[in-house]
């Protein structure tokens, strides 16, 4: 048994726990896979590098509305893949080398960490204990229990970006943000993409108007099989995959060359043995923490995807900063008065499909359900000067404001640069500005695309 001052499980946002406050502490860090976690290796960063390429391909495919004669011909997929991971893989390797060889106070363990008691963790044949343990083990892909799926074989976001060659056809199971982004990537690069969705719409958790418009656009771009479940999957001798489908009692079949499963993610609280340690989890399996990152077990903290369905790197990084501060405070004996609380009251997000989507705060339906007096303004990109230049006919900004306080309750954008345009609204909401102050107390560059935000605010 080896004892440490601090034990960190996971090297995604958990890796950033090791601030200078712990330079004089004995620290261990455990990683079962590749250093850097989901975002760096199989999530946010590589997917956006592929998305950017896909955006270029889609633009090249048809620019006739601008009077341009362009086309998309093909992609050198191995070159694209190797360019992406040629940048990412050295970062992961460098992170592991740094922790292993250059941090004298840090011991790195490679393997699966499993609690065998409240403050004891097994990694292979090693038993580790620590004054403070931080669980940052993330989440994993949820694979639906479809008969035949495991036998046929499938890809997930963990594997599909590293395939050797593009298939002619791909079926994407799901219609959430991962499905929307990766479906856009492969569809724009020439793969015939079909989405199979149990419900009728993409991005169901977005504001209804956003979800409706996104579904409308993707229904034009791709094959969409909605309100449908899969009863069986099989593969014939030629390698062709057949999916048996059921919709409203009627059966049908669909053939494809590859299946991409994007049906959600589940927290890794079970695989780390949270129950054995007595760590409380909620009904969905997420580790329960208080605002300071503490679990119900003394000395055990948790953060990131293992604790919340948000599944967002920026929120996990925020939690990591909070937990790092609080663990250091406890370790120094300062006491609870020095602890800081996380603030997840305004957590923005974006979906990097095409069109792009970004949102923060309440949807219109949430405001209605809560009985909050509110105003709504929808502002089309095409009603602004830069929107004219773009010949945009489908993008818009939707704002929901409190009709009495004039504070912005929610902002939802669908269209080019949505993830950038929303940032000024996040800032205004965070610092308590009214929609009038956001609209009138600063100058908006003319004729920049940001005028669509200005006009939306003025419309309230």
Protein backbone atom coordinates (compact mmCIF):
# COMPACT_ATOMS: atom_id res chain seq x y z
CA UNK A 1 0.00 0.00 0.00
CA UNK A 2 1.35 3.41 -1.02
CA UNK A 3 0.07 6.64 0.49
CA UNK A 4 -0.09 10.06 -1.22
CA UNK A 5 -1.18 13.53 -0.28
CA UNK A 6 -3.29 13.71 -3.45
CA UNK A 7 -4.53 11.06 -5.87
CA UNK A 8 -6.14 12.13 -9.16
CA UNK A 9 -8.09 9.65 -11.25
CA UNK A 10 -8.12 10.77 -14.89
CA UNK A 11 -5.93 13.04 -17.01
CA UNK A 12 -8.52 15.15 -18.82
CA UNK A 13 -9.51 18.15 -16.75
CA UNK A 14 -8.23 16.21 -13.75
CA UNK A 15 -4.69 16.77 -14.98
CA UNK A 16 -5.07 20.52 -14.40
CA UNK A 17 -5.72 19.91 -10.69
CA UNK A 18 -1.95 19.81 -10.21
CA UNK A 19 -1.29 23.51 -9.75
CA UNK A 20 1.77 24.98 -8.05
CA UNK A 21 -0.06 24.56 -4.73
CA UNK A 22 0.82 20.87 -4.92
CA UNK A 23 4.48 21.20 -5.89
CA UNK A 24 5.55 20.20 -2.37
CA UNK A 25 2.97 17.41 -2.10
CA UNK A 26 3.29 13.75 -2.94
CA UNK A 27 0.90 13.21 -5.82
CA UNK A 28 -0.26 10.24 -7.88
CA UNK A 29 -2.24 10.36 -11.08
CA UNK A 30 -3.93 7.38 -12.73
CA UNK A 31 -4.85 7.07 -16.41
CA UNK A 32 -6.35 3.98 -18.04
CA UNK A 33 -6.00 5.24 -21.61
CA UNK A 34 -4.33 8.08 -23.46
CA UNK A 35 -3.27 11.18 -21.57
CA UNK A 36 -5.45 14.23 -22.10
CA UNK A 37 -8.90 12.70 -21.84
CA UNK A 38 -11.84 12.73 -24.22
CA UNK A 39 -11.66 16.32 -25.44
CA UNK A 40 -8.09 16.20 -26.65
CA UNK A 41 -7.99 12.70 -28.07
CA UNK A 42 -11.45 11.69 -29.33
CA UNK A 43 -13.72 14.68 -28.77
CA UNK A 44 -13.75 18.46 -29.03
CA UNK A 45 -10.39 19.13 -30.65
CA UNK A 46 -10.02 16.48 -33.37
CA UNK A 47 -13.71 16.68 -34.29
CA UNK A 48 -13.50 20.44 -34.83
CA UNK A 49 -10.44 20.01 -37.04
CA UNK A 50 -12.51 17.65 -39.18
CA UNK A 51 -15.53 19.97 -39.00
CA UNK A 52 -13.51 22.91 -40.29
CA UNK A 53 -12.41 20.83 -43.28
CA UNK A 54 -15.99 19.69 -43.84
CA UNK A 55 -17.19 23.30 -43.81
CA UNK A 56 -14.69 24.12 -46.55
CA UNK A 57 -15.82 21.13 -48.60
CA UNK A 58 -19.50 22.05 -48.24
CA UNK A 59 -18.83 25.64 -49.30
CA UNK A 60 -16.89 24.45 -52.33
CA UNK A 61 -19.67 22.06 -53.35
CA UNK A 62 -21.96 24.89 -54.41
CA UNK A 63 -21.22 28.62 -54.41
CA UNK A 64 -23.53 29.42 -57.30
CA UNK A 65 -25.58 31.92 -55.27
CA UNK A 66 -22.48 34.12 -55.18
CA UNK A 67 -21.93 33.82 -58.92
CA UNK A 68 -19.08 31.37 -58.42
CA UNK A 69 -18.61 28.13 -60.33
CA UNK A 70 -17.09 25.81 -57.72
CA UNK A 71 -17.32 22.13 -56.90
CA UNK A 72 -16.10 19.61 -54.37
CA UNK A 73 -14.27 16.70 -55.93
CA UNK A 74 -12.74 14.46 -53.28
CA UNK A 75 -10.73 14.25 -50.08
CA UNK A 76 -7.41 12.62 -49.33
CA UNK A 77 -8.79 11.07 -46.18
CA UNK A 78 -5.54 9.50 -44.90
CA UNK A 79 -3.78 12.86 -45.33
CA UNK A 80 -6.58 14.68 -43.49
CA UNK A 81 -6.66 12.12 -40.69
CA UNK A 82 -2.88 12.11 -40.32
CA UNK A 83 -2.75 15.91 -40.28
CA UNK A 84 -5.26 16.01 -37.44
CA UNK A 85 -3.72 13.34 -35.29
CA UNK A 86 -0.22 14.32 -36.24
CA UNK A 87 -0.87 17.42 -34.15
CA UNK A 88 -2.90 15.79 -31.37
CA UNK A 89 -0.99 12.60 -30.62
CA UNK A 90 2.29 14.38 -29.76
CA UNK A 91 0.40 16.58 -27.28
CA UNK A 92 -0.97 13.53 -25.48
CA UNK A 93 2.42 11.84 -25.49
CA UNK A 94 4.10 15.03 -24.33
CA UNK A 95 1.66 15.41 -21.44
CA UNK A 96 2.39 11.90 -20.23
CA UNK A 97 6.14 12.37 -20.60
CA UNK A 98 6.01 15.62 -18.64
CA UNK A 99 4.13 14.06 -15.73
CA UNK A 100 6.22 10.90 -15.80
CA UNK A 101 9.72 12.29 -16.29
CA UNK A 102 9.70 15.95 -15.31
CA UNK A 103 7.47 16.16 -12.23
CA UNK A 104 9.55 14.73 -9.39
CA UNK A 105 6.66 14.78 -6.93
CA UNK A 106 4.22 12.98 -9.26
CA UNK A 107 3.88 9.23 -9.76
CA UNK A 108 1.95 8.12 -12.84
CA UNK A 109 0.05 4.84 -12.83
CA UNK A 110 -1.27 3.39 -16.08
CA UNK A 111 -4.33 1.22 -15.66
CA UNK A 112 -7.90 1.12 -14.42
CA UNK A 113 -8.46 2.70 -11.00
CA UNK A 114 -11.10 1.04 -8.82
CA UNK A 115 -12.14 1.98 -5.32
CA UNK A 116 -11.80 -0.90 -2.86
CA UNK A 117 -12.73 1.26 0.13
CA UNK A 118 -13.67 4.87 0.96
CA UNK A 119 -10.10 6.14 0.53
CA UNK A 120 -8.40 3.17 -1.11
CA UNK A 121 -7.93 2.63 -4.82
CA UNK A 122 -6.58 -0.43 -6.62
CA UNK A 123 -4.61 -0.06 -9.85
CA UNK A 124 -3.56 -3.48 -11.03
CA UNK A 125 -1.65 -5.07 -8.17
CA UNK A 126 -1.05 -1.72 -6.46
CA UNK A 127 -3.16 -0.34 -3.62
CA UNK A 128 -3.10 3.45 -3.29
CA UNK A 129 -4.42 5.64 -0.50
CA UNK A 130 -4.48 9.42 -0.23
CA UNK A 131 -5.56 12.25 2.03
CA UNK A 132 -7.55 13.62 -0.89
CA UNK A 133 -8.78 11.77 -3.97
CA UNK A 134 -10.18 13.55 -7.03
CA UNK A 135 -12.38 11.49 -9.36
CA UNK A 136 -12.22 12.89 -12.88
CA UNK A 137 -12.80 9.72 -14.86
CA UNK A 138 -15.19 11.21 -17.40
CA UNK A 139 -17.82 9.32 -19.37
CA UNK A 140 -18.02 6.70 -22.08
CA UNK A 141 -20.12 6.02 -25.15
CA UNK A 142 -23.54 4.49 -24.55
CA UNK A 143 -24.18 1.59 -26.92
CA UNK A 144 -27.87 0.68 -27.26
CA UNK A 145 -28.78 -2.99 -26.78
CA UNK A 146 -29.72 -3.62 -30.40
CA UNK A 147 -29.69 -7.33 -31.36
CA UNK A 148 -26.80 -8.09 -33.71
CA UNK A 149 -25.08 -4.72 -33.35
CA UNK A 150 -22.08 -6.04 -31.42
CA UNK A 151 -21.69 -8.98 -33.82
CA UNK A 152 -21.77 -6.79 -36.92
CA UNK A 153 -19.36 -4.22 -35.53
CA UNK A 154 -19.72 -0.47 -35.35
CA UNK A 155 -17.80 2.74 -34.78
CA UNK A 156 -18.22 5.45 -32.16
CA UNK A 157 -16.74 8.91 -31.76
CA UNK A 158 -13.80 7.14 -30.07
CA UNK A 159 -12.83 5.30 -33.25
CA UNK A 160 -14.46 6.71 -36.37
CA UNK A 161 -12.08 9.64 -36.85
CA UNK A 162 -9.17 7.20 -37.23
CA UNK A 163 -10.64 4.86 -39.87
CA UNK A 164 -8.37 3.99 -42.79
CA UNK A 165 -10.79 4.83 -45.58
CA UNK A 166 -14.18 6.42 -46.01
CA UNK A 167 -17.15 4.13 -46.59
CA UNK A 168 -19.54 4.78 -49.43
CA UNK A 169 -22.51 4.72 -47.04
CA UNK A 170 -22.84 5.35 -43.33
CA UNK A 171 -25.75 5.04 -40.94
CA UNK A 172 -25.60 7.32 -37.89
CA UNK A 173 -27.61 6.22 -34.88
CA UNK A 174 -28.77 9.30 -32.99
CA UNK A 175 -29.53 12.96 -33.64
CA UNK A 176 -27.74 14.81 -30.86
CA UNK A 177 -24.69 17.02 -31.00
CA UNK A 178 -22.15 14.27 -31.72
CA UNK A 179 -24.34 12.83 -34.47
CA UNK A 180 -24.87 16.28 -35.96
CA UNK A 181 -21.19 17.13 -36.05
CA UNK A 182 -19.77 13.84 -37.28
CA UNK A 183 -22.61 13.31 -39.73
CA UNK A 184 -21.76 16.71 -41.20
CA UNK A 185 -18.11 15.74 -41.46
CA UNK A 186 -18.61 12.51 -43.33
CA UNK A 187 -21.54 13.75 -45.41
CA UNK A 188 -19.63 16.83 -46.58
CA UNK A 189 -16.65 14.66 -47.55
CA UNK A 190 -18.75 12.53 -49.86
CA UNK A 191 -20.19 9.73 -47.73
CA UNK A 192 -23.90 8.99 -48.18
CA UNK A 193 -25.13 9.57 -44.63
CA UNK A 194 -28.43 8.35 -43.20
CA UNK A 195 -29.54 9.27 -39.68
CA UNK A 196 -31.80 6.94 -37.73
CA UNK A 197 -33.57 8.75 -34.92
CA UNK A 198 -36.07 7.43 -32.36
CA UNK A 199 -37.78 10.85 -32.29
CA UNK A 200 -38.73 13.37 -34.96
CA UNK A 201 -36.09 16.07 -34.49
CA UNK A 202 -32.40 16.78 -34.17
CA UNK A 203 -31.03 18.49 -31.05
CA UNK A 204 -34.20 18.01 -29.01
CA UNK A 205 -32.77 19.80 -25.98
CA UNK A 206 -32.33 23.06 -27.87
CA UNK A 207 -34.98 25.75 -28.07
CA UNK A 208 -37.83 24.47 -30.23
CA UNK A 209 -37.29 27.00 -33.00
CA UNK A 210 -33.59 26.12 -33.18
CA UNK A 211 -34.28 22.39 -33.22
CA UNK A 212 -36.96 22.79 -35.88
CA UNK A 213 -34.71 24.85 -38.18
CA UNK A 214 -31.73 22.53 -37.70
CA UNK A 215 -33.92 19.52 -38.48
CA UNK A 216 -35.26 21.27 -41.56
CA UNK A 217 -31.74 21.96 -42.87
CA UNK A 218 -30.40 18.48 -42.11
CA UNK A 219 -33.44 16.87 -43.71
CA UNK A 220 -32.45 18.61 -46.93
CA UNK A 221 -28.78 17.65 -46.61
CA UNK A 222 -29.09 14.04 -45.48
CA UNK A 223 -31.35 11.01 -45.38
CA UNK A 224 -33.35 11.17 -42.15
CA UNK A 225 -35.26 8.16 -40.86
CA UNK A 226 -37.22 9.48 -37.88
CA UNK A 227 -39.53 8.00 -35.24
CA UNK A 228 -37.83 4.68 -35.88
CA UNK A 229 -36.22 1.92 -33.83
CA UNK A 230 -33.90 -0.91 -34.90
CA UNK A 231 -34.98 -4.47 -34.20
CA UNK A 232 -31.92 -6.27 -35.59
CA UNK A 233 -28.62 -5.75 -37.40
CA UNK A 234 -26.88 -8.32 -39.60
CA UNK A 235 -24.02 -8.54 -42.10
CA UNK A 236 -23.93 -10.74 -45.20
CA UNK A 237 -20.97 -12.50 -46.78
CA UNK A 238 -20.14 -9.48 -48.94
CA UNK A 239 -19.83 -7.28 -45.89
CA UNK A 240 -23.02 -5.32 -46.46
CA UNK A 241 -24.91 -4.44 -43.27
CA UNK A 242 -28.70 -4.69 -43.05
CA UNK A 243 -30.73 -2.90 -40.38
CA UNK A 244 -34.26 -4.08 -39.67
CA UNK A 245 -36.36 -1.03 -38.81
CA UNK A 246 -39.69 -0.53 -37.07
CA UNK A 247 -41.74 2.67 -37.35
CA UNK A 248 -45.37 3.04 -36.29
CA UNK A 249 -45.77 -0.73 -36.43
CA UNK A 250 -44.45 -1.00 -39.98
CA UNK A 251 -41.19 -2.81 -40.76
CA UNK A 252 -38.54 -2.01 -43.37
CA UNK A 253 -34.89 -2.59 -44.09
CA UNK A 254 -31.92 -0.34 -44.74
CA UNK A 255 -28.48 -1.35 -46.00
CA UNK A 256 -25.19 0.36 -45.34
CA UNK A 257 -21.43 -0.12 -45.19
CA UNK A 258 -20.71 1.32 -41.73
CA UNK A 259 -22.61 2.15 -38.54
CA UNK A 260 -21.70 5.08 -36.32
CA UNK A 261 -23.23 4.92 -32.84
CA UNK A 262 -23.84 8.36 -31.30
CA UNK A 263 -26.64 7.63 -28.87
CA UNK A 264 -25.28 9.41 -25.83
CA UNK A 265 -22.72 8.98 -23.05
CA UNK A 266 -22.78 7.48 -19.57
CA UNK A 267 -20.63 8.46 -16.57
CA UNK A 268 -17.73 6.28 -15.45
CA UNK A 269 -18.81 6.24 -11.81
CA UNK A 270 -19.60 2.52 -11.98
CA UNK A 271 -16.31 1.51 -13.57
CA UNK A 272 -14.36 3.36 -10.88
CA UNK A 273 -16.25 1.52 -8.15
CA UNK A 274 -18.05 4.48 -6.60
CA UNK A 275 -20.56 2.21 -4.87
CA UNK A 276 -17.79 0.24 -3.16
CA UNK A 277 -16.42 3.46 -1.70
CA UNK A 278 -19.88 4.54 -0.56
CA UNK A 279 -19.84 7.49 -2.94
CA UNK A 280 -23.37 8.70 -3.69
CA UNK A 281 -24.57 8.70 -7.28
CA UNK A 282 -27.83 9.97 -8.73
CA UNK A 283 -30.46 8.04 -10.70
CA UNK A 284 -28.52 8.51 -13.93
CA UNK A 285 -25.29 7.24 -12.39
CA UNK A 286 -23.49 10.57 -11.98
CA UNK A 287 -21.43 11.14 -8.84
CA UNK A 288 -23.18 13.63 -6.57
CA UNK A 289 -21.09 16.59 -5.39
CA UNK A 290 -21.78 19.81 -3.53
CA UNK A 291 -20.95 23.26 -4.90
CA UNK A 292 -17.35 22.85 -3.72
CA UNK A 293 -16.77 19.58 -5.56
CA UNK A 294 -16.97 17.37 -2.47
CA UNK A 295 -18.68 13.98 -2.53
CA UNK A 296 -20.41 12.54 0.52
CA UNK A 297 -17.21 10.63 1.40
CA UNK A 298 -14.71 12.69 3.35
CA UNK A 299 -11.59 13.41 1.32
CA UNK A 300 -13.11 12.34 -2.01
CA UNK A 301 -13.86 14.99 -4.63
CA UNK A 302 -15.23 14.73 -8.17
CA UNK A 303 -15.56 16.88 -11.25
CA UNK A 304 -16.39 16.89 -14.95
CA UNK A 305 -18.34 14.39 -17.02
CA UNK A 306 -18.51 11.81 -14.23
CA UNK A 307 -20.61 14.28 -12.23
CA UNK A 308 -22.88 15.98 -14.77
CA UNK A 309 -24.81 15.45 -17.98
CA UNK A 310 -23.42 18.74 -19.30
CA UNK A 311 -20.47 16.87 -20.86
CA UNK A 312 -18.67 20.11 -21.66
CA UNK A 313 -14.94 20.74 -21.45
CA UNK A 314 -15.29 24.37 -20.40
CA UNK A 315 -17.54 23.47 -17.48
CA UNK A 316 -15.17 20.65 -16.45
CA UNK A 317 -12.24 23.08 -16.56
CA UNK A 318 -14.17 25.50 -14.35
CA UNK A 319 -14.89 22.72 -11.88
CA UNK A 320 -11.22 21.68 -11.95
CA UNK A 321 -10.13 25.19 -10.96
CA UNK A 322 -12.62 25.17 -8.10
CA UNK A 323 -11.62 21.72 -6.87
CA UNK A 324 -7.90 22.49 -7.17
CA UNK A 325 -8.34 25.57 -4.99
CA UNK A 326 -10.50 23.76 -2.46
CA UNK A 327 -8.30 20.68 -2.13
CA UNK A 328 -5.28 22.93 -1.61
CA UNK A 329 -7.19 24.93 1.00
CA UNK A 330 -8.18 21.81 2.90
CA UNK A 331 -4.68 20.36 2.65
CA UNK A 332 -3.21 23.55 4.11
CA UNK A 333 -5.61 23.44 7.04
CA UNK A 334 -7.20 26.80 6.27
CA UNK A 335 -10.71 25.46 6.74
CA UNK A 336 -14.07 25.67 5.00
CA UNK A 337 -14.14 29.47 5.05
CA UNK A 338 -11.51 29.48 2.30
CA UNK A 339 -13.48 27.23 -0.04
CA UNK A 340 -14.91 28.64 -3.25
CA UNK A 341 -18.10 27.43 -4.92
CA UNK A 342 -18.48 26.58 -8.57
CA UNK A 343 -20.87 28.68 -10.63
CA UNK A 344 -22.80 26.71 -13.22
CA UNK A 345 -25.65 29.21 -13.44
CA UNK A 346 -24.70 30.19 -17.00
CA UNK A 347 -23.13 27.34 -18.94
CA UNK A 348 -23.09 28.02 -22.68
CA UNK A 349 -22.69 25.36 -25.31
CA UNK A 350 -22.29 25.05 -29.05
CA UNK A 351 -22.92 22.41 -31.71
CA UNK A 352 -20.43 22.57 -34.56
CA UNK A 353 -22.63 21.12 -37.25
CA UNK A 354 -23.52 23.04 -40.36
CA UNK A 355 -25.44 25.16 -39.50
CA UNK A 356 -23.67 25.91 -36.26
CA UNK A 357 -25.72 26.27 -33.06
CA UNK A 358 -24.95 28.05 -29.79
CA UNK A 359 -27.04 28.71 -26.70
CA UNK A 360 -26.97 29.92 -23.12
CA UNK A 361 -29.70 30.22 -20.51
CA UNK A 362 -33.39 29.40 -20.77
CA UNK A 363 -35.34 28.25 -23.77
CA UNK A 364 -38.66 29.91 -24.51
CA UNK A 365 -40.53 26.80 -23.39
CA UNK A 366 -38.63 26.78 -20.08
CA UNK A 367 -39.67 30.38 -19.46
CA UNK A 368 -43.28 29.50 -20.24
CA UNK A 369 -43.21 26.46 -17.97
CA UNK A 370 -41.71 28.52 -15.14
CA UNK A 371 -44.40 31.19 -15.51
CA UNK A 372 -41.81 33.92 -16.04
CA UNK A 373 -43.10 37.08 -17.77
CA UNK A 374 -40.95 37.32 -20.86
CA UNK A 375 -40.41 38.82 -24.29
CA UNK A 376 -39.08 37.01 -27.34
CA UNK A 377 -37.26 38.40 -30.36
CA UNK A 378 -36.15 36.45 -33.41
CA UNK A 379 -33.71 38.30 -35.66
CA UNK A 380 -32.73 36.85 -39.03
CA UNK A 381 -29.15 37.09 -40.23
CA UNK A 382 -30.58 38.08 -43.60
CA UNK A 383 -32.05 41.28 -42.15
CA UNK A 384 -28.57 42.75 -41.56
CA UNK A 385 -26.04 44.11 -44.01
CA UNK A 386 -23.55 41.28 -43.57
CA UNK A 387 -26.37 38.77 -43.78
CA UNK A 388 -27.20 40.24 -47.18
CA UNK A 389 -23.61 39.72 -48.25
CA UNK A 390 -23.86 36.10 -47.13
CA UNK A 391 -27.16 35.61 -48.98
CA UNK A 392 -28.34 33.95 -45.78
CA UNK A 393 -31.97 32.85 -45.66
CA UNK A 394 -32.05 30.37 -42.76
CA UNK A 395 -29.93 31.65 -39.83
CA UNK A 396 -31.28 33.63 -36.88
CA UNK A 397 -30.75 34.86 -33.33
CA UNK A 398 -33.48 34.21 -30.76
CA UNK A 399 -33.48 36.07 -27.44
CA UNK A 400 -35.72 35.63 -24.40
CA UNK A 401 -35.80 38.50 -21.88
CA UNK A 402 -37.63 39.11 -18.61
CA UNK A 403 -40.35 41.61 -19.47
CA UNK A 404 -40.08 43.39 -16.11
CA UNK A 405 -36.38 43.36 -15.17
CA UNK A 406 -35.23 43.59 -18.81
CA UNK A 407 -32.55 41.00 -18.06
CA UNK A 408 -31.68 38.47 -20.74
CA UNK A 409 -32.91 35.00 -19.78
CA UNK A 410 -31.71 33.03 -22.77
CA UNK A 411 -29.92 33.38 -26.10
CA UNK A 412 -30.05 30.93 -28.99
CA UNK A 413 -28.28 31.28 -32.32
CA UNK A 414 -28.26 29.10 -35.42
CA UNK A 415 -25.96 30.03 -38.27
CA UNK A 416 -22.36 30.86 -39.17
CA UNK A 417 -20.13 31.82 -36.23
CA UNK A 418 -22.93 31.19 -33.72
CA UNK A 419 -20.41 30.06 -31.09
CA UNK A 420 -18.54 33.37 -31.43
CA UNK A 421 -21.54 35.69 -31.69
CA UNK A 422 -23.06 34.41 -28.47
CA UNK A 423 -20.06 35.28 -26.31
CA UNK A 424 -20.99 38.96 -25.94
CA UNK A 425 -24.43 37.90 -24.71
CA UNK A 426 -22.91 35.50 -22.19
CA UNK A 427 -20.79 38.35 -20.85
CA UNK A 428 -23.76 40.67 -20.60
CA UNK A 429 -25.81 38.08 -18.75
CA UNK A 430 -22.97 37.24 -16.39
CA UNK A 431 -22.47 40.86 -15.37
CA UNK A 432 -26.15 41.65 -14.98
CA UNK A 433 -26.64 44.03 -17.89
CA UNK A 434 -30.13 44.67 -19.18
CA UNK A 435 -30.87 44.08 -22.83
CA UNK A 436 -31.05 47.86 -23.27
CA UNK A 437 -27.57 48.32 -21.83
CA UNK A 438 -26.20 45.55 -24.03
CA UNK A 439 -27.78 47.12 -27.10
CA UNK A 440 -27.10 50.83 -26.54
CA UNK A 441 -24.13 51.25 -24.21
CA UNK A 442 -21.53 50.13 -26.74
CA UNK A 443 -20.86 50.60 -30.44
CA UNK A 444 -21.35 47.68 -32.79
CA UNK A 445 -19.08 47.62 -35.82
CA UNK A 446 -20.94 48.24 -39.06
CA UNK A 447 -21.50 46.23 -41.18
CA UNK A 448 -20.23 43.28 -39.10
CA UNK A 449 -22.25 40.14 -38.49
CA UNK A 450 -22.50 41.13 -34.82
CA UNK A 451 -25.19 43.62 -35.85
CA UNK A 452 -27.62 40.71 -35.90
CA UNK A 453 -27.13 40.48 -32.12
CA UNK A 454 -27.51 44.25 -31.74
CA UNK A 455 -30.74 44.27 -33.73
CA UNK A 456 -32.11 41.34 -31.74
CA UNK A 457 -31.45 43.20 -28.50
CA UNK A 458 -33.02 46.38 -29.87
CA UNK A 459 -36.07 44.36 -30.86
CA UNK A 460 -36.77 43.54 -27.23
